Amino acid sequence: MSAATAALLLGAVVVLCAAAALIGVYVARNRQYGTPQERAAYETLHTASLAAPPLRAGLTADSASRAAPHLRDLLGAPALALADGTGELLAWDGPEGKPGHDHSEAVPGAAAQVTESGRTQVIGPREVACAWPDCPLRHAVAVPLAVAGRVDGVLAVFTSQTSAGLVRAVSEVARWVSAQLELAELDSSRAAASEAELRALRAQISPHFIYNSLSTVASFVRTDPERARELIVEFAEFTRYSFRRHGDFTSLSEELRCIDRYLLLERARFGGRLEVSLRVAPEVLSVVVPFLCLQPLVENAVRHGLEKKPGPGRLTITAADGGSEALISVEDDGAGMAAETLARTLAGDLAELAELAGDAPRAPGIGLRNVDERLRQVYGDAYGLVIETAPGAGTKVHVRVPKFHPDAVQSGPAGM
């Protein structure tokens, strides 16, 4: 058999296998959804799944225009409209009615009634202003979209006639839409909470580290002007990265570069007392991590561990390849802390910690706690900080980060 003949036979086999696979999928699907009730349930759930993503972005003109066609299919209505809480029309899907009668113009008035009363309104031809007896849009049902007890929008369905069944169907769909909008609000609140935590981390960096860094630079101005200039440049780059407003994630390499600048300034302040060891596997440098998830751990080790230790102190940072995860640790041989203090730190009992430490600004707390909460929020409770410590025995903080996660997306280069 020639090579050409063999290739033709192989191609024919591939085509036949593909056809058999498609036939198998078709048969399996029709077996799975064989009855009319099963097919109706499948189609309803599929249509709802198409409408959900736009609504999870909140009720805007864009999200309403993308969700309206699917909601209309879900109800099998001739036309459907979505309005915001002020009655303004956001989206209309379907025919506008007979020539000269734009039925979408009736939406703001109907939506205003619903918003004011908070109740479903059944609207007849007079309110719709339709004089055509055979018009398919002579009647409408307008239902409030309630979020957290307030009317955030209105769903209106236009039909040739209304019925109790239609009112119930529109009300159920409106309840489902309201649930999606509540989830959107929760997503927004979660994002705001994450931004607040970042602001808290930046606030922690600001008063202590900035003062110490500027004092260190000042000490070199006369004795070593060139060193002072280099430290000012590094300080500027560190603050530019730390106070940037672009994105919640960054690469591990960027985070380590920020840590390197921080430690350069701290080594200038500590002199020969601070020893740093860095061991990083090249495979994990591109892993995306939450912004400012490691620098606070390093700062905590320096300020609350090594600064209190007489004589030299050692800080070790490692980042290893753990298969599907990056395994990171920050370890110091400093003062350490008691288990009770650690528990209160992670619980956020800052007032008690200040009393235990005897000096509120030096009490450990906000850095460890915020990093722990942010890791759990992004990756789940299994990815919280693991901390080994004891009084006088130093502290080792373990961080596990998945190499790939749908919510962890690097937003681009750092910037103000």
Protein backbone atom coordinates (compact mmCIF):
# COMPACT_ATOMS: atom_id res chain seq x y z
CA MET A 1 0.00 0.00 0.00
CA SER A 2 1.36 3.40 -1.00
CA ALA A 3 1.78 6.28 1.47
CA ALA A 4 -0.86 8.33 -0.38
CA THR A 5 -3.40 5.48 -0.15
CA ALA A 6 -2.68 5.02 3.55
CA ALA A 7 -3.14 8.73 4.17
CA LEU A 8 -6.50 8.72 2.37
CA LEU A 9 -7.68 5.72 4.38
CA LEU A 10 -6.55 7.37 7.62
CA GLY A 11 -8.42 10.56 6.68
CA ALA A 12 -11.59 8.61 5.94
CA VAL A 13 -11.35 6.86 9.32
CA VAL A 14 -10.96 10.22 11.11
CA VAL A 15 -14.03 11.65 9.33
CA LEU A 16 -16.12 8.58 10.17
CA CYS A 17 -15.02 8.72 13.83
CA ALA A 18 -15.92 12.42 14.06
CA ALA A 19 -19.34 11.76 12.51
CA ALA A 20 -19.94 8.89 14.92
CA ALA A 21 -19.01 11.13 17.86
CA LEU A 22 -21.45 13.85 16.77
CA ILE A 23 -24.21 11.28 16.31
CA GLY A 24 -23.44 9.93 19.79
CA VAL A 25 -23.67 13.39 21.34
CA TYR A 26 -26.99 14.02 19.56
CA VAL A 27 -28.44 10.69 20.70
CA ALA A 28 -27.21 11.14 24.26
CA ARG A 29 -28.64 14.64 24.48
CA ASN A 30 -32.02 13.57 23.14
CA ARG A 31 -32.07 10.64 25.52
CA GLN A 32 -31.16 12.90 28.47
CA TYR A 33 -33.79 15.49 27.60
CA GLY A 34 -36.28 13.16 25.95
CA THR A 35 -39.54 14.44 27.37
CA PRO A 36 -40.99 17.89 26.66
CA GLN A 37 -40.77 18.72 30.38
CA GLU A 38 -37.08 17.84 30.51
CA ARG A 39 -36.33 19.88 27.40
CA ALA A 40 -38.25 22.85 28.80
CA ALA A 41 -36.33 22.67 32.08
CA TYR A 42 -33.01 22.53 30.24
CA GLU A 43 -33.87 25.47 27.98
CA THR A 44 -35.08 27.56 30.92
CA LEU A 45 -31.92 26.97 32.96
CA HIS A 46 -29.71 27.60 29.93
CA THR A 47 -31.44 30.90 29.14
CA ALA A 48 -31.16 32.00 32.78
CA SER A 49 -27.44 31.18 32.77
CA LEU A 50 -26.97 33.47 29.75
CA ALA A 51 -28.73 36.38 31.48
CA ALA A 52 -26.86 36.05 34.78
CA PRO A 53 -23.32 37.30 33.88
CA PRO A 54 -24.42 40.78 32.67
CA LEU A 55 -26.64 41.26 35.73
CA ARG A 56 -23.74 40.39 38.05
CA ALA A 57 -22.15 43.64 36.86
CA GLY A 58 -25.07 45.65 38.30
CA LEU A 59 -27.99 47.34 36.60
CA THR A 60 -26.57 49.66 33.95
CA ALA A 61 -27.53 50.49 30.37
CA ASP A 62 -24.88 48.07 29.10
CA SER A 63 -25.77 45.15 31.38
CA ALA A 64 -29.51 45.71 30.84
CA SER A 65 -29.16 45.69 27.04
CA ARG A 66 -27.20 42.42 27.19
CA ALA A 67 -29.56 40.70 29.66
CA ALA A 68 -32.89 41.88 28.17
CA PRO A 69 -32.99 39.49 25.16
CA HIS A 70 -32.42 36.46 27.42
CA LEU A 71 -35.02 37.62 29.94
CA ARG A 72 -37.48 38.11 27.10
CA ASP A 73 -36.79 34.56 25.86
CA LEU A 74 -37.18 33.29 29.40
CA LEU A 75 -40.70 34.76 29.60
CA GLY A 76 -41.65 34.23 25.97
CA ALA A 77 -42.88 37.83 25.83
CA PRO A 78 -43.37 39.98 22.71
CA ALA A 79 -41.35 42.83 24.27
CA LEU A 80 -39.47 43.52 27.50
CA ALA A 81 -37.98 46.62 29.11
CA LEU A 82 -35.62 47.33 32.01
CA ALA A 83 -35.54 50.66 33.86
CA ASP A 84 -33.43 51.95 36.74
CA GLY A 85 -34.65 53.14 40.13
CA THR A 86 -35.40 56.62 38.80
CA GLY A 87 -37.65 55.28 36.03
CA GLU A 88 -35.17 55.93 33.23
CA LEU A 89 -35.36 53.37 30.42
CA LEU A 90 -32.16 51.30 30.27
CA ALA A 91 -33.05 48.70 27.65
CA TRP A 92 -35.92 47.72 25.33
CA ASP A 93 -36.02 44.39 23.52
CA GLY A 94 -38.70 43.59 20.97
CA PRO A 95 -40.83 45.49 18.43
CA GLU A 96 -41.86 49.02 19.31
CA GLY A 97 -45.48 48.53 18.29
CA LYS A 98 -47.62 49.80 15.44
CA PRO A 99 -46.27 52.66 13.28
CA GLY A 100 -46.43 55.94 15.17
CA HIS A 101 -46.77 54.23 18.55
CA ASP A 102 -43.42 53.76 20.30
CA HIS A 103 -44.49 51.71 23.32
CA SER A 104 -41.09 52.13 24.99
CA GLU A 105 -42.20 55.69 25.78
CA ALA A 106 -44.65 54.24 28.31
CA VAL A 107 -41.86 52.65 30.37
CA PRO A 108 -40.71 55.71 32.40
CA GLY A 109 -44.25 56.48 33.61
CA ALA A 110 -44.96 52.86 34.53
CA ALA A 111 -41.56 52.50 36.22
CA ALA A 112 -42.18 55.65 38.25
CA GLN A 113 -45.43 54.17 39.56
CA VAL A 114 -43.69 50.93 40.53
CA THR A 115 -40.78 52.74 42.19
CA GLU A 116 -43.11 54.99 44.19
CA SER A 117 -45.44 52.23 45.38
CA GLY A 118 -42.94 49.39 45.52
CA ARG A 119 -45.60 47.10 44.05
CA THR A 120 -46.36 45.35 40.79
CA GLN A 121 -48.41 47.40 38.33
CA VAL A 122 -50.67 45.94 35.63
CA ILE A 123 -51.00 48.51 32.82
CA GLY A 124 -53.78 48.62 30.24
CA PRO A 125 -54.13 50.13 26.75
CA ARG A 126 -54.97 53.58 28.15
CA GLU A 127 -51.65 53.88 30.05
CA VAL A 128 -49.77 52.31 27.14
CA ALA A 129 -51.55 54.80 24.83
CA CYS A 130 -52.28 52.18 22.20
CA ALA A 131 -55.39 52.53 20.04
CA TRP A 132 -54.72 49.48 17.85
CA PRO A 133 -57.00 46.55 18.88
CA ASP A 134 -54.71 43.96 17.29
CA CYS A 135 -51.47 45.38 18.75
CA PRO A 136 -49.42 42.69 20.57
CA LEU A 137 -48.16 45.29 23.09
CA ARG A 138 -51.44 46.78 24.39
CA HIS A 139 -50.89 45.55 27.98
CA ALA A 140 -47.90 45.49 30.33
CA VAL A 141 -46.84 44.07 33.69
CA ALA A 142 -44.20 46.13 35.58
CA VAL A 143 -42.51 44.55 38.62
CA PRO A 144 -40.01 46.15 41.04
CA LEU A 145 -36.42 44.89 41.27
CA ALA A 146 -35.69 45.06 45.00
CA VAL A 147 -32.15 45.04 46.38
CA ALA A 148 -31.59 45.22 50.15
CA GLY A 149 -35.15 46.48 50.70
CA ARG A 150 -35.03 49.29 48.14
CA VAL A 151 -36.31 49.44 44.55
CA ASP A 152 -33.24 49.60 42.31
CA GLY A 153 -35.03 49.02 39.02
CA VAL A 154 -38.13 47.83 37.19
CA LEU A 155 -38.78 44.89 34.88
CA ALA A 156 -41.68 45.51 32.45
CA VAL A 157 -43.16 42.95 30.05
CA PHE A 158 -45.46 44.04 27.19
CA THR A 159 -48.07 41.59 25.82
CA SER A 160 -51.39 41.50 23.98
CA GLN A 161 -53.23 40.66 27.21
CA THR A 162 -52.47 39.99 30.85
CA SER A 163 -53.33 37.12 33.16
CA ALA A 164 -52.67 35.99 36.69
CA GLY A 165 -50.20 33.41 35.36
CA LEU A 166 -48.26 36.09 33.49
CA VAL A 167 -48.07 38.28 36.60
CA ARG A 168 -46.74 35.34 38.63
CA ALA A 169 -44.16 34.47 35.94
CA VAL A 170 -42.88 38.04 35.63
CA SER A 171 -42.74 38.35 39.44
CA GLU A 172 -40.63 35.18 39.73
CA VAL A 173 -38.22 36.33 37.02
CA ALA A 174 -37.99 39.75 38.71
CA ARG A 175 -37.17 38.01 42.01
CA TRP A 176 -34.38 36.08 40.27
CA VAL A 177 -33.04 39.27 38.65
CA SER A 178 -33.10 40.98 42.06
CA ALA A 179 -31.02 38.13 43.50
CA GLN A 180 -28.41 38.63 40.75
CA LEU A 181 -28.30 42.36 41.49
CA GLU A 182 -27.82 41.66 45.20
CA LEU A 183 -24.90 39.39 44.34
CA ALA A 184 -23.47 42.20 42.20
CA GLU A 185 -23.72 44.53 45.20
CA LEU A 186 -21.95 41.97 47.38
CA ASP A 187 -19.18 41.67 44.77
CA SER A 188 -18.82 45.45 44.82
CA SER A 189 -18.71 45.50 48.63
CA ARG A 190 -16.06 42.79 48.64
CA ALA A 191 -13.94 44.76 46.16
CA ALA A 192 -14.34 47.88 48.32
CA ALA A 193 -13.29 45.91 51.41
CA SER A 194 -10.21 44.63 49.58
CA GLU A 195 -9.31 48.20 48.57
CA ALA A 196 -9.78 49.32 52.19
CA GLU A 197 -7.37 46.62 53.34
CA LEU A 198 -4.81 47.82 50.80
CA ARG A 199 -5.22 51.37 52.09
CA ALA A 200 -4.66 50.09 55.62
CA LEU A 201 -1.44 48.37 54.53
CA ARG A 202 -0.25 51.56 52.86
CA ALA A 203 -1.09 53.53 55.99
CA GLN A 204 1.06 51.13 58.01
CA ILE A 205 4.01 51.64 55.66
CA SER A 206 3.68 55.40 55.68
CA PRO A 207 4.32 56.67 59.24
CA HIS A 208 7.04 54.28 60.42
CA PHE A 209 9.09 53.27 57.44
CA ILE A 210 9.05 56.69 55.75
CA TYR A 211 10.29 58.45 58.90
CA ASN A 212 13.08 55.93 59.46
CA SER A 213 14.12 55.99 55.79
CA LEU A 214 14.34 59.78 55.62
CA SER A 215 16.31 59.84 58.87
CA THR A 216 18.76 57.32 57.39
CA VAL A 217 19.14 59.35 54.19
CA ALA A 218 19.76 62.49 56.25
CA SER A 219 22.59 60.74 58.12
CA PHE A 220 24.45 60.16 54.81
CA VAL A 221 23.95 63.60 53.28
CA ARG A 222 27.26 65.03 54.57
CA THR A 223 29.35 61.90 55.06
CA ASP A 224 28.44 60.10 51.82
CA PRO A 225 26.36 62.26 49.40
CA GLU A 226 26.45 59.64 46.62
CA ARG A 227 25.04 56.97 48.96
CA ALA A 228 22.33 59.42 50.09
CA ARG A 229 21.36 60.04 46.45
CA GLU A 230 21.10 56.29 45.74
CA LEU A 231 18.95 55.76 48.83
CA ILE A 232 16.60 58.59 47.81
CA VAL A 233 16.15 56.97 44.37
CA GLU A 234 15.40 53.59 45.95
CA PHE A 235 13.02 55.22 48.43
CA ALA A 236 11.16 56.93 45.59
CA GLU A 237 10.83 53.66 43.64
CA PHE A 238 9.60 51.83 46.75
CA THR A 239 6.92 54.41 47.51
CA ARG A 240 5.85 54.56 43.85
CA TYR A 241 5.20 50.81 43.90
CA SER A 242 3.61 50.72 47.37
CA PHE A 243 1.16 53.55 46.74
CA ARG A 244 0.25 52.66 43.17
CA ARG A 245 -3.45 52.56 42.25
CA HIS A 246 -3.32 50.09 39.37
CA GLY A 247 -4.64 46.60 40.07
CA ASP A 248 -4.94 44.23 43.02
CA PHE A 249 -2.35 41.72 41.77
CA THR A 250 1.26 41.76 40.70
CA SER A 251 3.95 39.25 39.78
CA LEU A 252 6.14 37.64 42.42
CA SER A 253 9.19 39.19 40.76
CA GLU A 254 7.71 42.71 41.17
CA GLU A 255 6.85 42.03 44.81
CA LEU A 256 10.40 40.77 45.47
CA ARG A 257 11.85 43.83 43.73
CA CYS A 258 9.82 46.02 46.11
CA ILE A 259 11.12 43.98 49.07
CA ASP A 260 14.70 44.37 47.83
CA ARG A 261 14.33 48.18 47.82
CA TYR A 262 12.80 48.08 51.29
CA LEU A 263 15.65 45.96 52.65
CA LEU A 264 18.27 48.16 50.97
CA LEU A 265 16.95 51.09 52.99
CA GLU A 266 16.68 49.04 56.17
CA ARG A 267 20.23 47.69 55.81
CA ALA A 268 21.47 51.25 55.52
CA ARG A 269 19.72 52.00 58.82
CA PHE A 270 20.83 48.82 60.62
CA GLY A 271 24.39 48.90 59.33
CA GLY A 272 25.98 45.46 59.62
CA ARG A 273 23.35 44.18 62.06
CA LEU A 274 20.91 43.03 59.37
CA GLU A 275 21.83 39.95 57.32
CA VAL A 276 19.54 38.96 54.44
CA SER A 277 19.39 35.68 52.55
CA LEU A 278 17.20 35.31 49.44
CA ARG A 279 16.56 31.97 47.71
CA VAL A 280 14.08 32.08 44.81
CA ALA A 281 13.35 29.43 42.18
CA PRO A 282 13.20 31.02 38.71
CA GLU A 283 10.08 28.96 37.89
CA VAL A 284 7.91 30.96 40.31
CA LEU A 285 8.99 34.51 39.45
CA SER A 286 6.09 34.96 37.03
CA VAL A 287 3.43 33.68 39.47
CA VAL A 288 0.70 36.29 40.06
CA VAL A 289 0.25 37.19 43.75
CA PRO A 290 -1.94 39.69 45.63
CA PHE A 291 -0.39 43.15 45.65
CA LEU A 292 1.58 43.85 48.86
CA CYS A 293 1.16 40.32 50.20
CA LEU A 294 4.85 39.76 51.07
CA GLN A 295 6.33 43.17 51.86
CA PRO A 296 4.23 43.55 55.06
CA LEU A 297 5.53 40.15 56.25
CA VAL A 298 9.13 41.27 55.70
CA GLU A 299 8.49 44.61 57.41
CA ASN A 300 6.87 42.80 60.33
CA ALA A 301 9.95 40.56 60.65
CA VAL A 302 12.29 43.57 60.69
CA ARG A 303 10.27 45.86 62.97
CA HIS A 304 8.88 43.36 65.46
CA GLY A 305 11.48 40.62 65.32
CA LEU A 306 14.98 41.80 64.45
CA GLU A 307 14.79 45.42 65.63
CA LYS A 308 14.25 44.24 69.22
CA LYS A 309 17.08 41.73 69.06
CA PRO A 310 20.47 42.78 70.44
CA GLY A 311 23.30 42.17 68.01
CA PRO A 312 22.99 40.98 64.41
CA GLY A 313 19.79 39.45 63.04
CA ARG A 314 19.14 37.25 60.05
CA LEU A 315 16.22 37.39 57.61
CA THR A 316 15.64 34.57 55.12
CA ILE A 317 13.19 34.75 52.22
CA THR A 318 12.53 31.66 50.09
CA ALA A 319 10.24 31.01 47.13
CA ALA A 320 10.13 27.43 45.88
CA ASP A 321 8.30 25.54 43.15
CA GLY A 322 5.63 23.32 44.71
CA GLY A 323 4.08 21.85 41.57
CA SER A 324 0.74 23.64 41.20
CA GLU A 325 1.71 26.16 43.90
CA ALA A 326 4.46 28.60 44.79
CA LEU A 327 5.74 28.00 48.34
CA ILE A 328 7.02 31.18 49.97
CA SER A 329 8.40 31.75 53.46
CA VAL A 330 9.72 34.73 55.43
CA GLU A 331 11.84 33.76 58.44
CA ASP A 332 13.71 35.78 61.07
CA ASP A 333 15.74 34.76 64.10
CA GLY A 334 14.44 37.66 66.18
CA ALA A 335 12.28 38.07 69.26
CA GLY A 336 9.39 35.84 68.19
CA MET A 337 6.04 35.99 69.98
CA ALA A 338 3.84 33.97 72.29
CA ALA A 339 0.98 31.88 70.93
CA GLU A 340 -1.52 34.14 72.70
CA THR A 341 -0.08 37.24 71.04
CA LEU A 342 -0.15 35.54 67.63
CA ALA A 343 -3.80 34.52 68.07
CA ARG A 344 -4.78 38.06 69.02
CA THR A 345 -2.79 39.41 66.08
CA LEU A 346 -4.69 37.33 63.55
CA ALA A 347 -8.01 38.03 65.32
CA GLY A 348 -7.41 41.77 65.07
CA ASP A 349 -7.40 42.59 68.82
CA LEU A 350 -5.08 45.57 68.26
CA ALA A 351 -5.91 47.37 71.52
CA GLU A 352 -4.91 44.32 73.57
CA LEU A 353 -1.78 43.87 71.47
CA ALA A 354 -0.76 47.47 72.12
CA GLU A 355 -1.13 46.88 75.84
CA LEU A 356 0.90 43.66 75.63
CA ALA A 357 3.63 45.35 73.59
CA GLY A 358 3.70 48.45 75.79
CA ASP A 359 3.95 50.64 72.68
CA ALA A 360 0.98 50.90 70.30
CA PRO A 361 2.91 51.79 67.13
CA ARG A 362 5.19 48.79 67.60
CA ALA A 363 2.45 46.28 68.34
CA PRO A 364 2.33 43.62 65.59
CA GLY A 365 -1.04 43.28 63.94
CA ILE A 366 -2.28 45.00 60.83
CA GLY A 367 0.32 43.56 58.43
CA LEU A 368 -0.04 39.88 59.34
CA ARG A 369 -3.79 40.08 59.80
CA ASN A 370 -4.52 41.87 56.53
CA VAL A 371 -2.28 39.60 54.48
CA ASP A 372 -3.92 36.54 56.05
CA GLU A 373 -7.43 37.86 55.34
CA ARG A 374 -6.62 38.83 51.75
CA LEU A 375 -5.09 35.43 50.95
CA ARG A 376 -8.16 33.67 52.36
CA GLN A 377 -10.47 35.99 50.47
CA VAL A 378 -8.80 35.36 47.10
CA TYR A 379 -7.84 31.69 47.37
CA GLY A 380 -9.97 30.25 50.20
CA ASP A 381 -9.37 29.43 53.86
CA ALA A 382 -6.89 26.68 52.99
CA TYR A 383 -4.44 29.38 51.84
CA GLY A 384 -4.22 31.43 55.03
CA LEU A 385 -0.87 32.15 56.65
CA VAL A 386 0.87 29.37 58.57
CA ILE A 387 3.10 30.85 61.30
CA GLU A 388 5.75 29.15 63.44
CA THR A 389 6.96 31.23 66.37
CA ALA A 390 7.86 31.22 70.05
CA PRO A 391 9.33 33.84 72.41
CA GLY A 392 13.06 34.19 71.68
CA ALA A 393 12.91 31.62 68.84
CA GLY A 394 12.17 33.89 65.91
CA THR A 395 9.25 33.66 63.49
CA LYS A 396 8.67 31.82 60.22
CA VAL A 397 5.66 32.70 58.05
CA HIS A 398 4.59 30.28 55.30
CA VAL A 399 2.61 31.45 52.25
CA ARG A 400 1.10 29.15 49.61
CA VAL A 401 -0.10 30.68 46.34
CA PRO A 402 -1.69 28.73 43.45
CA LYS A 403 0.19 29.25 40.20
CA PHE A 404 -3.09 29.70 38.34
CA HIS A 405 -6.31 31.17 39.71
CA PRO A 406 -9.23 32.78 37.78
CA ASP A 407 -9.41 35.82 40.07
CA ALA A 408 -5.66 36.47 40.12
CA VAL A 409 -4.86 38.58 37.06
CA GLN A 410 -1.88 40.89 36.86
CA SER A 411 -3.07 44.33 35.79
CA GLY A 412 0.10 45.66 34.24
CA PRO A 413 3.14 47.64 35.33
CA ALA A 414 3.12 49.55 38.54
CA GLY A 415 2.07 53.13 38.37
CA MET A 416 0.57 55.97 40.37
